[in-house]
């Protein structure tokens, strides 16, 4: 059953401009979905734009998501914070 998971969400473009990371929060189940989209910066096909628009409006267009609960999100956050300290 597909449902609208558009609570908090964010799409972050890769530095190479060829990929997008989608992060969406399912408020009902308290789960975070990470989706990966490959795009071509100069020629994005209509079907790819439709897929991204569908994901934006109705939730995940395909079942190619990584799904994390709170414990894994905390682990990801802690690791990213460690990396940020190394970058300084």
C-alpha atoms as a PDB file:
ATOM      1  CA  UNK A   1       0.000   0.000   0.000  1.00  0.00           C
ATOM      2  CA  UNK A   2       1.491   3.293  -1.046  1.00  0.00           C
ATOM      3  CA  UNK A   3       0.896   6.294   1.150  1.00  0.00           C
ATOM      4  CA  UNK A   4       1.989   9.854   1.207  1.00  0.00           C
ATOM      5  CA  UNK A   5       5.116  10.192   3.333  1.00  0.00           C
ATOM      6  CA  UNK A   6       5.633  13.869   2.658  1.00  0.00           C
ATOM      7  CA  UNK A   7       6.301  15.035   6.147  1.00  0.00           C
ATOM      8  CA  UNK A   8       9.722  16.516   6.417  1.00  0.00           C
ATOM      9  CA  UNK A   9      11.753  15.953   3.282  1.00  0.00           C
ATOM     10  CA  UNK A  10      14.839  17.249   1.563  1.00  0.00           C
ATOM     11  CA  UNK A  11      16.587  16.661  -1.736  1.00  0.00           C
ATOM     12  CA  UNK A  12      20.331  17.307  -1.774  1.00  0.00           C
ATOM     13  CA  UNK A  13      22.185  17.522  -5.068  1.00  0.00           C
ATOM     14  CA  UNK A  14      25.568  15.848  -5.329  1.00  0.00           C
ATOM     15  CA  UNK A  15      28.580  18.095  -5.864  1.00  0.00           C
ATOM     16  CA  UNK A  16      28.992  16.607  -9.357  1.00  0.00           C
ATOM     17  CA  UNK A  17      25.398  17.638 -10.242  1.00  0.00           C
ATOM     18  CA  UNK A  18      24.643  14.150 -11.579  1.00  0.00           C
ATOM     19  CA  UNK A  19      22.971  12.652  -8.501  1.00  0.00           C
ATOM     20  CA  UNK A  20      20.402  13.574  -5.870  1.00  0.00           C
ATOM     21  CA  UNK A  21      19.920  12.203  -2.372  1.00  0.00           C
ATOM     22  CA  UNK A  22      16.309  12.276  -1.242  1.00  0.00           C
ATOM     23  CA  UNK A  23      15.575  12.154   2.491  1.00  0.00           C
ATOM     24  CA  UNK A  24      11.972  11.714   3.589  1.00  0.00           C
ATOM     25  CA  UNK A  25      10.469  11.197   7.048  1.00  0.00           C
ATOM     26  CA  UNK A  26       7.433   8.959   7.554  1.00  0.00           C
ATOM     27  CA  UNK A  27       5.717  10.611  10.492  1.00  0.00           C
ATOM     28  CA  UNK A  28       3.366   7.674  11.112  1.00  0.00           C
ATOM     29  CA  UNK A  29       6.035   4.978  11.467  1.00  0.00           C
ATOM     30  CA  UNK A  30       8.905   7.253  12.562  1.00  0.00           C
ATOM     31  CA  UNK A  31      11.097   5.945   9.737  1.00  0.00           C
ATOM     32  CA  UNK A  32      13.491   7.845   7.483  1.00  0.00           C
ATOM     33  CA  UNK A  33      13.821   6.908   3.810  1.00  0.00           C
ATOM     34  CA  UNK A  34      16.984   7.636   1.853  1.00  0.00           C
ATOM     35  CA  UNK A  35      16.526   7.548  -1.926  1.00  0.00           C
ATOM     36  CA  UNK A  36      19.190   7.870  -4.569  1.00  0.00           C
ATOM     37  CA  UNK A  37      18.439   9.396  -7.943  1.00  0.00           C
ATOM     38  CA  UNK A  38      20.887   9.587 -10.817  1.00  0.00           C
ATOM     39  CA  UNK A  39      20.264  12.482 -13.163  1.00  0.00           C
ATOM     40  CA  UNK A  40      22.036  13.858 -16.170  1.00  0.00           C
ATOM     41  CA  UNK A  41      22.687  17.551 -15.663  1.00  0.00           C
ATOM     42  CA  UNK A  42      22.243  18.524 -19.316  1.00  0.00           C
ATOM     43  CA  UNK A  43      19.543  16.131 -20.475  1.00  0.00           C
ATOM     44  CA  UNK A  44      17.070  14.833 -17.893  1.00  0.00           C
ATOM     45  CA  UNK A  45      14.510  12.573 -19.598  1.00  0.00           C
ATOM     46  CA  UNK A  46      10.816  13.218 -19.072  1.00  0.00           C
ATOM     47  CA  UNK A  47      10.312   9.873 -17.313  1.00  0.00           C
ATOM     48  CA  UNK A  48      13.022  10.751 -14.779  1.00  0.00           C
ATOM     49  CA  UNK A  49      11.406  14.127 -14.102  1.00  0.00           C
ATOM     50  CA  UNK A  50       8.031  12.377 -13.710  1.00  0.00           C
ATOM     51  CA  UNK A  51       9.549   9.873 -11.277  1.00  0.00           C
ATOM     52  CA  UNK A  52      11.046  12.658  -9.165  1.00  0.00           C
ATOM     53  CA  UNK A  53       7.777  14.621  -9.280  1.00  0.00           C
ATOM     54  CA  UNK A  54       5.831  11.518  -8.236  1.00  0.00           C
ATOM     55  CA  UNK A  55       8.219  10.946  -5.337  1.00  0.00           C
ATOM     56  CA  UNK A  56       7.815  14.573  -4.297  1.00  0.00           C
ATOM     57  CA  UNK A  57       4.012  14.425  -4.376  1.00  0.00           C
ATOM     58  CA  UNK A  58       3.068  10.877  -3.424  1.00  0.00           C
ATOM     59  CA  UNK A  59       6.000   9.242  -1.689  1.00  0.00           C
ATOM     60  CA  UNK A  60       8.455   6.778  -3.143  1.00  0.00           C
ATOM     61  CA  UNK A  61       7.973   6.003  -6.835  1.00  0.00           C
ATOM     62  CA  UNK A  62      10.034   2.812  -6.590  1.00  0.00           C
ATOM     63  CA  UNK A  63      10.981   0.598  -3.700  1.00  0.00           C
ATOM     64  CA  UNK A  64      14.698   1.393  -4.010  1.00  0.00           C
ATOM     65  CA  UNK A  65      15.049   3.145  -0.679  1.00  0.00           C
ATOM     66  CA  UNK A  66      17.241   2.653   2.329  1.00  0.00           C
ATOM     67  CA  UNK A  67      15.009   2.662   5.401  1.00  0.00           C
ATOM     68  CA  UNK A  68      16.302   3.609   8.861  1.00  0.00           C
ATOM     69  CA  UNK A  69      14.786   3.845  12.305  1.00  0.00           C
ATOM     70  CA  UNK A  70      15.951   6.125  15.111  1.00  0.00           C
ATOM     71  CA  UNK A  71      18.908   3.986  16.241  1.00  0.00           C
ATOM     72  CA  UNK A  72      20.445   3.883  12.773  1.00  0.00           C
ATOM     73  CA  UNK A  73      19.793   7.596  12.232  1.00  0.00           C
ATOM     74  CA  UNK A  74      21.677   8.379  15.449  1.00  0.00           C
ATOM     75  CA  UNK A  75      24.562   6.217  14.231  1.00  0.00           C
ATOM     76  CA  UNK A  76      24.607   8.030  10.861  1.00  0.00           C
ATOM     77  CA  UNK A  77      24.459  11.424  12.615  1.00  0.00           C
ATOM     78  CA  UNK A  78      27.333  10.521  14.930  1.00  0.00           C
ATOM     79  CA  UNK A  79      29.474   9.322  12.045  1.00  0.00           C
ATOM     80  CA  UNK A  80      28.777  12.443   9.985  1.00  0.00           C
ATOM     81  CA  UNK A  81      29.640  14.610  13.001  1.00  0.00           C
ATOM     82  CA  UNK A  82      32.955  12.757  13.300  1.00  0.00           C
ATOM     83  CA  UNK A  83      33.634  13.456   9.618  1.00  0.00           C
ATOM     84  CA  UNK A  84      32.810  17.122  10.108  1.00  0.00           C
ATOM     85  CA  UNK A  85      35.385  17.303  12.876  1.00  0.00           C
ATOM     86  CA  UNK A  86      37.999  15.771  10.525  1.00  0.00           C
ATOM     87  CA  UNK A  87      37.145  18.341   7.833  1.00  0.00           C
ATOM     88  CA  UNK A  88      37.818  21.337  10.109  1.00  0.00           C
END
